[in-house]
Every structure is written in C-alpha cells, then in structure tokens.
N, C-alpha and C. Protein backbone atom coordinates (compact mmCIF):
# COMPACT_ATOMS: atom_id res chain seq x y z
N MET A 1 25.63 -20.14 -41.29
CA MET A 1 26.06 -18.77 -41.39
C MET A 1 25.14 -18.06 -42.39
N SER A 2 24.70 -16.92 -42.02
CA SER A 2 23.80 -16.14 -42.88
C SER A 2 24.58 -15.21 -43.80
N LEU A 3 23.88 -14.69 -44.79
CA LEU A 3 24.45 -13.70 -45.70
C LEU A 3 23.54 -12.48 -45.72
N ARG A 4 24.12 -11.36 -46.10
CA ARG A 4 23.35 -10.16 -46.40
C ARG A 4 23.56 -9.86 -47.88
N TRP A 5 22.47 -9.66 -48.56
CA TRP A 5 22.53 -9.32 -49.98
C TRP A 5 22.28 -7.83 -50.07
N ARG A 6 23.31 -7.07 -50.38
CA ARG A 6 23.23 -5.62 -50.44
C ARG A 6 22.47 -5.17 -51.69
N CYS A 7 21.97 -3.96 -51.65
CA CYS A 7 21.24 -3.40 -52.80
C CYS A 7 22.09 -3.35 -54.06
N ASP A 8 23.41 -3.25 -53.89
CA ASP A 8 24.30 -3.19 -55.06
C ASP A 8 24.66 -4.58 -55.58
N GLY A 9 24.10 -5.65 -54.97
CA GLY A 9 24.37 -7.01 -55.42
C GLY A 9 25.45 -7.73 -54.64
N THR A 10 26.17 -7.02 -53.80
CA THR A 10 27.23 -7.62 -53.01
C THR A 10 26.64 -8.59 -51.99
N LEU A 11 27.30 -9.72 -51.83
CA LEU A 11 26.94 -10.70 -50.80
C LEU A 11 28.00 -10.64 -49.71
N VAL A 12 27.58 -10.46 -48.46
CA VAL A 12 28.53 -10.40 -47.35
C VAL A 12 28.06 -11.32 -46.22
N CYS A 13 29.02 -11.83 -45.48
CA CYS A 13 28.73 -12.68 -44.33
C CYS A 13 27.91 -11.90 -43.32
N GLY A 14 26.82 -12.50 -42.86
CA GLY A 14 25.97 -11.84 -41.88
C GLY A 14 26.65 -11.60 -40.56
N ALA A 15 27.55 -12.49 -40.16
CA ALA A 15 28.25 -12.36 -38.88
C ALA A 15 29.37 -11.33 -38.93
N LYS A 16 29.88 -11.05 -40.12
CA LYS A 16 31.02 -10.14 -40.27
C LYS A 16 30.62 -8.77 -40.79
N SER A 17 29.33 -8.50 -40.82
CA SER A 17 28.87 -7.22 -41.36
C SER A 17 27.72 -6.68 -40.53
N GLN A 18 27.53 -5.40 -40.63
CA GLN A 18 26.41 -4.73 -39.98
C GLN A 18 25.28 -4.57 -41.00
N PRO A 19 24.04 -4.69 -40.55
CA PRO A 19 22.94 -4.51 -41.49
C PRO A 19 22.87 -3.08 -42.02
N ARG A 20 22.43 -2.98 -43.26
CA ARG A 20 22.19 -1.68 -43.89
C ARG A 20 20.76 -1.64 -44.39
N GLU A 21 20.24 -0.44 -44.51
CA GLU A 21 18.90 -0.29 -45.06
C GLU A 21 18.87 -0.88 -46.46
N GLY A 22 17.86 -1.68 -46.74
CA GLY A 22 17.71 -2.28 -48.05
C GLY A 22 18.32 -3.66 -48.19
N ASP A 23 19.06 -4.13 -47.19
CA ASP A 23 19.63 -5.48 -47.24
C ASP A 23 18.53 -6.52 -47.30
N THR A 24 18.80 -7.60 -48.01
CA THR A 24 17.96 -8.79 -47.95
C THR A 24 18.74 -9.82 -47.15
N TYR A 25 18.12 -10.32 -46.09
CA TYR A 25 18.76 -11.27 -45.20
C TYR A 25 18.57 -12.68 -45.74
N ILE A 26 19.65 -13.41 -45.90
CA ILE A 26 19.61 -14.80 -46.35
C ILE A 26 19.97 -15.65 -45.14
N ASP A 27 19.00 -16.41 -44.64
CA ASP A 27 19.22 -17.17 -43.42
C ASP A 27 20.14 -18.37 -43.65
N ASP A 28 20.52 -19.02 -42.55
CA ASP A 28 21.47 -20.13 -42.61
C ASP A 28 21.00 -21.25 -43.55
N ARG A 29 19.73 -21.56 -43.48
CA ARG A 29 19.21 -22.67 -44.27
C ARG A 29 19.30 -22.39 -45.77
N LEU A 30 18.89 -21.19 -46.18
CA LEU A 30 18.97 -20.83 -47.60
C LEU A 30 20.42 -20.68 -48.03
N HIS A 31 21.26 -20.11 -47.18
CA HIS A 31 22.68 -20.00 -47.51
C HIS A 31 23.29 -21.37 -47.74
N TYR A 32 22.95 -22.34 -46.90
CA TYR A 32 23.46 -23.70 -47.08
C TYR A 32 23.01 -24.26 -48.44
N ARG A 33 21.75 -24.05 -48.75
CA ARG A 33 21.23 -24.54 -50.04
C ARG A 33 21.96 -23.89 -51.21
N LEU A 34 22.16 -22.58 -51.14
CA LEU A 34 22.84 -21.87 -52.22
C LEU A 34 24.31 -22.25 -52.36
N SER A 35 24.98 -22.47 -51.24
CA SER A 35 26.42 -22.74 -51.29
C SER A 35 26.76 -24.22 -51.39
N ALA A 36 26.21 -25.04 -50.52
CA ALA A 36 26.59 -26.46 -50.46
C ALA A 36 25.82 -27.33 -51.45
N GLU A 37 24.53 -27.10 -51.57
CA GLU A 37 23.71 -27.96 -52.43
C GLU A 37 23.71 -27.52 -53.88
N LEU A 38 23.50 -26.23 -54.12
CA LEU A 38 23.40 -25.73 -55.50
C LEU A 38 24.71 -25.16 -56.03
N ALA A 39 25.62 -24.83 -55.14
CA ALA A 39 26.93 -24.27 -55.49
C ALA A 39 26.83 -23.02 -56.38
N VAL A 40 25.86 -22.15 -56.08
CA VAL A 40 25.73 -20.92 -56.86
C VAL A 40 26.38 -19.73 -56.18
N VAL A 41 26.72 -19.85 -54.90
CA VAL A 41 27.51 -18.83 -54.22
C VAL A 41 28.74 -19.49 -53.62
N VAL A 42 29.86 -18.78 -53.69
CA VAL A 42 31.14 -19.30 -53.18
C VAL A 42 31.83 -18.21 -52.38
N PRO A 43 32.63 -18.60 -51.39
CA PRO A 43 33.35 -17.58 -50.63
C PRO A 43 34.47 -16.96 -51.46
N ASP A 44 34.67 -15.68 -51.29
CA ASP A 44 35.82 -14.99 -51.87
C ASP A 44 37.09 -15.61 -51.29
N ALA A 45 38.20 -15.52 -51.99
CA ALA A 45 39.46 -16.08 -51.50
C ALA A 45 39.84 -15.51 -50.14
N ASP A 46 39.50 -14.26 -49.88
CA ASP A 46 39.81 -13.61 -48.60
C ASP A 46 38.58 -13.48 -47.70
N GLU A 47 37.61 -14.38 -47.85
CA GLU A 47 36.35 -14.28 -47.11
C GLU A 47 36.56 -14.21 -45.60
N LYS A 48 37.55 -14.92 -45.09
CA LYS A 48 37.79 -14.90 -43.64
C LYS A 48 38.11 -13.49 -43.15
N ILE A 49 38.66 -12.66 -44.02
CA ILE A 49 38.99 -11.28 -43.66
C ILE A 49 37.89 -10.32 -44.12
N THR A 50 37.46 -10.47 -45.37
CA THR A 50 36.52 -9.51 -45.97
C THR A 50 35.05 -9.84 -45.73
N GLY A 51 34.75 -11.12 -45.54
CA GLY A 51 33.36 -11.54 -45.41
C GLY A 51 32.60 -11.59 -46.73
N LEU A 52 33.30 -11.42 -47.85
CA LEU A 52 32.63 -11.37 -49.16
C LEU A 52 32.34 -12.77 -49.71
N TRP A 53 31.18 -12.89 -50.32
CA TRP A 53 30.79 -14.08 -51.07
C TRP A 53 30.48 -13.64 -52.49
N LEU A 54 30.59 -14.57 -53.44
CA LEU A 54 30.43 -14.25 -54.86
C LEU A 54 29.46 -15.22 -55.51
N TRP A 55 28.79 -14.76 -56.56
CA TRP A 55 28.02 -15.67 -57.39
C TRP A 55 29.03 -16.54 -58.13
N ALA A 56 28.85 -17.84 -58.12
CA ALA A 56 29.83 -18.79 -58.62
C ALA A 56 30.21 -18.57 -60.09
N ASP A 57 29.25 -18.23 -60.93
CA ASP A 57 29.56 -18.08 -62.35
C ASP A 57 29.85 -16.64 -62.76
N GLY A 58 29.82 -15.74 -61.81
CA GLY A 58 30.12 -14.35 -62.10
C GLY A 58 28.97 -13.58 -62.73
N SER A 59 27.86 -14.26 -63.00
CA SER A 59 26.71 -13.58 -63.60
C SER A 59 25.66 -13.29 -62.54
N HIS A 60 24.59 -12.68 -62.97
CA HIS A 60 23.50 -12.41 -62.05
C HIS A 60 22.32 -13.35 -62.27
N ALA A 61 22.55 -14.44 -63.03
CA ALA A 61 21.47 -15.40 -63.26
C ALA A 61 20.99 -16.00 -61.94
N ALA A 62 21.93 -16.33 -61.08
CA ALA A 62 21.55 -16.88 -59.77
C ALA A 62 20.82 -15.84 -58.95
N ALA A 63 21.21 -14.59 -59.08
CA ALA A 63 20.54 -13.53 -58.34
C ALA A 63 19.08 -13.40 -58.78
N ARG A 64 18.83 -13.53 -60.08
CA ARG A 64 17.45 -13.46 -60.57
C ARG A 64 16.63 -14.62 -60.02
N TRP A 65 17.25 -15.81 -59.94
CA TRP A 65 16.55 -16.96 -59.37
C TRP A 65 16.23 -16.70 -57.91
N LEU A 66 17.18 -16.16 -57.17
CA LEU A 66 16.97 -15.91 -55.75
C LEU A 66 15.87 -14.88 -55.53
N ILE A 67 15.83 -13.85 -56.36
CA ILE A 67 14.78 -12.84 -56.24
C ILE A 67 13.41 -13.49 -56.37
N SER A 68 13.26 -14.43 -57.29
CA SER A 68 11.97 -15.09 -57.47
C SER A 68 11.64 -16.01 -56.30
N TYR A 69 12.65 -16.47 -55.59
CA TYR A 69 12.46 -17.39 -54.47
C TYR A 69 12.06 -16.67 -53.19
N LEU A 70 12.58 -15.46 -52.99
CA LEU A 70 12.35 -14.73 -51.75
C LEU A 70 10.92 -14.20 -51.66
N PRO A 71 10.39 -14.13 -50.44
CA PRO A 71 9.04 -13.58 -50.28
C PRO A 71 9.00 -12.10 -50.68
N LYS A 72 7.90 -11.69 -51.22
CA LYS A 72 7.74 -10.28 -51.62
C LYS A 72 7.55 -9.42 -50.39
N ARG A 73 8.10 -8.21 -50.43
CA ARG A 73 7.96 -7.27 -49.30
C ARG A 73 6.67 -6.51 -49.42
C-alpha cells in the first residue's frame, strides 16, 4: 500500500486519497520499509476510515530522514 506525503506533512493512504499538487508519492516498497522494518510510520487508530498515517514518535525527525532519502525533483 502506498502513501501520499502532503505538503503540510500529513501522511495519507494512497488508495484512500486523491493526489494533490505537491504530494510526494511513497511507493509500496518504501512504505513497507518505513512501517514494518523501521517502524517510523504507524496507522492512525481510525486509518481504515480516515486513511491517515502518523510519524511514530510524533516528531518530524523521520520526515527529515525521508526527505534526504527521496530523489531530488
């Protein structure tokens, strides 16, 4: 399952959301690494309804790491 990383920092399920200008697409493979292997993103309690995902520690440290990992536009 993919994620969309919104410009405001929100993470949403790719299948449960429509793309917006400025989104960064996180493919299935990277999403698996972030959630299952590194455990830096976790589903919101209501993810099945809202499609929201959260940074596990509530900070943006993981977001800064991800920015350095993604290819430059």
